[in-house]
C-alpha atoms as a PDB file:
ATOM      1  CA  MET A   1     -59.096 -10.348 -62.317  1.00  0.00           C
ATOM      2  CA  ARG A   2     -58.405  -9.736 -58.669  1.00  0.00           C
ATOM      3  CA  ILE A   3     -61.220  -9.591 -56.098  1.00  0.00           C
ATOM      4  CA  SER A   4     -60.618  -7.021 -53.361  1.00  0.00           C
ATOM      5  CA  ALA A   5     -61.043  -7.863 -49.694  1.00  0.00           C
ATOM      6  CA  SER A   6     -63.717  -5.173 -49.348  1.00  0.00           C
ATOM      7  CA  PHE A   7     -65.695  -6.632 -52.265  1.00  0.00           C
ATOM      8  CA  LEU A   8     -65.525 -10.102 -50.720  1.00  0.00           C
ATOM      9  CA  SER A   9     -66.607  -8.732 -47.315  1.00  0.00           C
ATOM     10  CA  LYS A  10     -69.600  -7.058 -48.948  1.00  0.00           C
ATOM     11  CA  ALA A  11     -70.473 -10.274 -50.798  1.00  0.00           C
ATOM     12  CA  ARG A  12     -70.366 -12.195 -47.490  1.00  0.00           C
ATOM     13  CA  ARG A  13     -72.610  -9.599 -45.815  1.00  0.00           C
ATOM     14  CA  ASP A  14     -75.015  -9.800 -48.761  1.00  0.00           C
ATOM     15  CA  ALA A  15     -75.092 -13.618 -48.559  1.00  0.00           C
ATOM     16  CA  GLU A  16     -75.734 -13.453 -44.815  1.00  0.00           C
ATOM     17  CA  GLY A  17     -78.535 -10.952 -45.444  1.00  0.00           C
ATOM     18  CA  LEU A  18     -80.357 -13.672 -47.390  1.00  0.00           C
ATOM     19  CA  MET A  19     -80.178 -15.991 -44.386  1.00  0.00           C
ATOM     20  CA  THR A  20     -83.552 -15.108 -42.916  1.00  0.00           C
ATOM     21  CA  ASP A  21     -84.168 -18.440 -41.178  1.00  0.00           C
ATOM     22  CA  GLN A  22     -83.058 -19.131 -37.615  1.00  0.00           C
ATOM     23  CA  CYS A  23     -81.827 -22.520 -36.510  1.00  0.00           C
ATOM     24  CA  THR A  24     -80.155 -24.490 -33.777  1.00  0.00           C
ATOM     25  CA  VAL A  25     -77.481 -27.061 -34.551  1.00  0.00           C
ATOM     26  CA  THR A  26     -76.948 -29.856 -32.056  1.00  0.00           C
ATOM     27  CA  ARG A  27     -74.572 -32.766 -31.873  1.00  0.00           C
ATOM     28  CA  PRO A  28     -75.541 -36.063 -30.300  1.00  0.00           C
ATOM     29  CA  ASP A  29     -73.396 -36.687 -27.215  1.00  0.00           C
ATOM     30  CA  GLU A  30     -70.649 -39.196 -27.620  1.00  0.00           C
ATOM     31  CA  SER A  31     -71.577 -42.518 -26.118  1.00  0.00           C
ATOM     32  CA  THR A  32     -70.929 -42.060 -22.409  1.00  0.00           C
ATOM     33  CA  THR A  33     -72.370 -43.519 -19.270  1.00  0.00           C
ATOM     34  CA  ASP A  34     -73.890 -41.519 -16.420  1.00  0.00           C
ATOM     35  CA  PRO A  35     -71.678 -42.337 -13.401  1.00  0.00           C
ATOM     36  CA  ASP A  36     -74.626 -42.057 -10.995  1.00  0.00           C
ATOM     37  CA  THR A  37     -77.156 -44.211 -12.842  1.00  0.00           C
ATOM     38  CA  GLY A  38     -74.983 -46.387 -15.078  1.00  0.00           C
ATOM     39  CA  LEU A  39     -77.305 -45.536 -17.981  1.00  0.00           C
ATOM     40  CA  PRO A  40     -76.104 -44.207 -21.322  1.00  0.00           C
ATOM     41  CA  ASN A  41     -76.261 -40.432 -21.833  1.00  0.00           C
ATOM     42  CA  THR A  42     -78.490 -39.613 -24.778  1.00  0.00           C
ATOM     43  CA  GLY A  43     -78.406 -35.824 -24.662  1.00  0.00           C
ATOM     44  CA  THR A  44     -77.178 -33.374 -27.226  1.00  0.00           C
ATOM     45  CA  GLU A  45     -74.692 -30.548 -27.269  1.00  0.00           C
ATOM     46  CA  GLN A  46     -75.637 -27.253 -28.935  1.00  0.00           C
ATOM     47  CA  VAL A  47     -72.916 -26.205 -31.367  1.00  0.00           C
ATOM     48  CA  TYR A  48     -74.602 -23.282 -33.169  1.00  0.00           C
ATOM     49  CA  GLU A  49     -77.629 -21.042 -32.880  1.00  0.00           C
ATOM     50  CA  GLY A  50     -78.344 -18.279 -35.339  1.00  0.00           C
ATOM     51  CA  LYS A  51     -78.938 -17.406 -38.970  1.00  0.00           C
ATOM     52  CA  CYS A  52     -79.250 -19.948 -41.741  1.00  0.00           C
ATOM     53  CA  LYS A  53     -80.918 -20.520 -45.086  1.00  0.00           C
ATOM     54  CA  VAL A  54     -82.501 -23.728 -46.333  1.00  0.00           C
ATOM     55  CA  GLN A  55     -82.242 -24.226 -50.061  1.00  0.00           C
ATOM     56  CA  THR A  56     -82.891 -26.849 -52.678  1.00  0.00           C
ATOM     57  CA  SER A  57     -81.445 -26.999 -56.133  1.00  0.00           C
ATOM     58  CA  GLY A  58     -81.687 -29.353 -58.990  1.00  0.00           C
ATOM     59  CA  GLY A  59     -84.811 -30.819 -60.373  1.00  0.00           C
ATOM     60  CA  LEU A  60     -82.566 -32.255 -63.029  1.00  0.00           C
ATOM     61  CA  ALA A  61     -84.127 -35.127 -64.905  1.00  0.00           C
ATOM     62  CA  SER A  62     -82.225 -38.354 -64.559  1.00  0.00           C
ATOM     63  CA  GLU A  63     -83.150 -41.212 -66.852  1.00  0.00           C
ATOM     64  CA  GLN A  64     -82.488 -44.604 -65.338  1.00  0.00           C
ATOM     65  CA  THR A  65     -81.231 -47.348 -67.640  1.00  0.00           C
ATOM     66  CA  GLU A  66     -81.071 -50.264 -65.210  1.00  0.00           C
ATOM     67  CA  GLY A  67     -83.308 -51.444 -62.418  1.00  0.00           C
ATOM     68  CA  SER A  68     -87.091 -51.704 -62.162  1.00  0.00           C
ATOM     69  CA  ALA A  69     -89.440 -52.226 -65.082  1.00  0.00           C
ATOM     70  CA  ALA A  70     -90.487 -48.550 -64.906  1.00  0.00           C
ATOM     71  CA  GLN A  71     -86.879 -47.502 -65.083  1.00  0.00           C
ATOM     72  CA  ASN A  72     -86.230 -49.859 -67.989  1.00  0.00           C
ATOM     73  CA  MET A  73     -89.092 -48.203 -69.864  1.00  0.00           C
ATOM     74  CA  GLY A  74     -87.212 -44.900 -69.767  1.00  0.00           C
ATOM     75  CA  ALA A  75     -88.840 -43.435 -66.665  1.00  0.00           C
ATOM     76  CA  VAL A  76     -87.384 -40.119 -65.585  1.00  0.00           C
ATOM     77  CA  SER A  77     -86.894 -39.136 -61.965  1.00  0.00           C
ATOM     78  CA  LEU A  78     -86.130 -35.694 -60.611  1.00  0.00           C
ATOM     79  CA  VAL A  79     -82.966 -35.325 -58.572  1.00  0.00           C
ATOM     80  CA  TRP A  80     -83.024 -32.579 -55.918  1.00  0.00           C
ATOM     81  CA  SER A  81     -80.200 -31.539 -53.640  1.00  0.00           C
ATOM     82  CA  LEU A  82     -80.878 -30.045 -50.230  1.00  0.00           C
ATOM     83  CA  TYR A  83     -78.565 -27.543 -48.542  1.00  0.00           C
ATOM     84  CA  VAL A  84     -78.340 -25.428 -45.412  1.00  0.00           C
ATOM     85  CA  HIS A  85     -76.231 -22.252 -45.594  1.00  0.00           C
ATOM     86  CA  PHE A  86     -74.645 -20.653 -42.520  1.00  0.00           C
ATOM     87  CA  PRO A  87     -72.736 -17.361 -42.240  1.00  0.00           C
ATOM     88  CA  TYR A  88     -69.201 -17.491 -43.624  1.00  0.00           C
ATOM     89  CA  GLY A  89     -66.741 -18.724 -41.006  1.00  0.00           C
ATOM     90  CA  THR A  90     -69.302 -20.483 -38.780  1.00  0.00           C
ATOM     91  CA  PRO A  91     -67.061 -22.677 -36.622  1.00  0.00           C
ATOM     92  CA  GLY A  92     -67.531 -26.130 -35.160  1.00  0.00           C
ATOM     93  CA  LEU A  93     -69.962 -27.755 -37.588  1.00  0.00           C
ATOM     94  CA  ARG A  94     -69.359 -31.334 -38.586  1.00  0.00           C
ATOM     95  CA  ALA A  95     -71.035 -34.210 -40.385  1.00  0.00           C
ATOM     96  CA  GLY A  96     -73.750 -35.827 -38.288  1.00  0.00           C
ATOM     97  CA  ASP A  97     -74.826 -32.614 -36.546  1.00  0.00           C
ATOM     98  CA  VAL A  98     -78.576 -31.909 -36.649  1.00  0.00           C
ATOM     99  CA  VAL A  99     -80.053 -28.588 -37.790  1.00  0.00           C
ATOM    100  CA  GLU A 100     -83.518 -27.663 -36.534  1.00  0.00           C
ATOM    101  CA  VAL A 101     -85.206 -24.668 -38.150  1.00  0.00           C
ATOM    102  CA  THR A 102     -86.695 -22.557 -35.346  1.00  0.00           C
ATOM    103  CA  GLU A 103     -87.939 -19.534 -37.342  1.00  0.00           C
ATOM    104  CA  SER A 104     -88.623 -19.015 -41.026  1.00  0.00           C
ATOM    105  CA  ALA A 105     -90.687 -16.901 -43.379  1.00  0.00           C
ATOM    106  CA  ASN A 106     -91.804 -20.282 -44.737  1.00  0.00           C
ATOM    107  CA  PRO A 107     -93.968 -21.878 -42.019  1.00  0.00           C
ATOM    108  CA  LEU A 108     -93.458 -25.306 -43.602  1.00  0.00           C
ATOM    109  CA  LEU A 109     -89.779 -25.179 -42.601  1.00  0.00           C
ATOM    110  CA  VAL A 110     -90.272 -24.436 -38.889  1.00  0.00           C
ATOM    111  CA  GLY A 111     -89.517 -27.541 -36.859  1.00  0.00           C
ATOM    112  CA  ARG A 112     -87.907 -29.392 -39.768  1.00  0.00           C
ATOM    113  CA  ARG A 113     -84.698 -31.204 -38.956  1.00  0.00           C
ATOM    114  CA  PHE A 114     -81.782 -31.844 -41.293  1.00  0.00           C
ATOM    115  CA  ARG A 115     -78.612 -33.854 -40.722  1.00  0.00           C
ATOM    116  CA  LEU A 116     -75.353 -32.334 -41.982  1.00  0.00           C
ATOM    117  CA  VAL A 117     -73.811 -34.718 -44.508  1.00  0.00           C
ATOM    118  CA  SER A 118     -70.807 -32.884 -45.930  1.00  0.00           C
ATOM    119  CA  PRO A 119     -69.652 -29.364 -46.645  1.00  0.00           C
ATOM    120  CA  GLN A 120     -70.111 -28.293 -50.244  1.00  0.00           C
ATOM    121  CA  SER A 121     -66.965 -28.091 -52.274  1.00  0.00           C
ATOM    122  CA  GLU A 122     -64.753 -25.204 -51.338  1.00  0.00           C
ATOM    123  CA  LYS A 123     -64.705 -22.043 -53.392  1.00  0.00           C
ATOM    124  CA  THR A 124     -61.971 -19.477 -53.844  1.00  0.00           C
ATOM    125  CA  HIS A 125     -64.369 -16.652 -53.035  1.00  0.00           C
ATOM    126  CA  ALA A 126     -66.694 -18.367 -50.548  1.00  0.00           C
ATOM    127  CA  THR A 127     -69.482 -16.162 -49.201  1.00  0.00           C
ATOM    128  CA  ALA A 128     -71.190 -18.700 -46.927  1.00  0.00           C
ATOM    129  CA  CYS A 129     -70.623 -21.970 -45.106  1.00  0.00           C
ATOM    130  CA  ARG A 130     -72.749 -24.351 -47.182  1.00  0.00           C
ATOM    131  CA  TRP A 131     -73.597 -27.911 -46.173  1.00  0.00           C
ATOM    132  CA  ASN A 132     -75.219 -30.779 -48.044  1.00  0.00           C
ATOM    133  CA  VAL A 133     -77.960 -32.124 -45.783  1.00  0.00           C
ATOM    134  CA  LYS A 134     -80.610 -34.804 -45.692  1.00  0.00           C
ATOM    135  CA  GLU A 135     -83.961 -34.760 -43.953  1.00  0.00           C
ATOM    136  CA  ASP A 136     -83.605 -36.134 -40.417  1.00  0.00           C
ATOM    137  CA  SER A 137     -86.400 -38.464 -39.460  1.00  0.00           C
END
């Protein structure tokens, strides 16, 4: 089965339409020294501002067989994965960048910060730029 370019374009537009959150992505400045003060620069560089979508998936039960007494008794823990999706083709993102949610239909997300860990595995028919993230403290 062959996917047409117009179908893929529509799928990318549809995926972007689900990105109702707004965010800013910043990158910590490389370690440099201010020539006037001699102090290290600790600023950030903005690398993206725009649409995004925060998403979790999983909730898969994982039984631990080694470790603590609770784990040895067959305790089950839930494993959740956390992602941030950006429009397809969003350039310049890299591991270590920090995403801050600035607007969301979910008020609990506004102000939350996530660190980009790694892009999700590539897909033949990618419709978004998806990143594995972890909560930034």
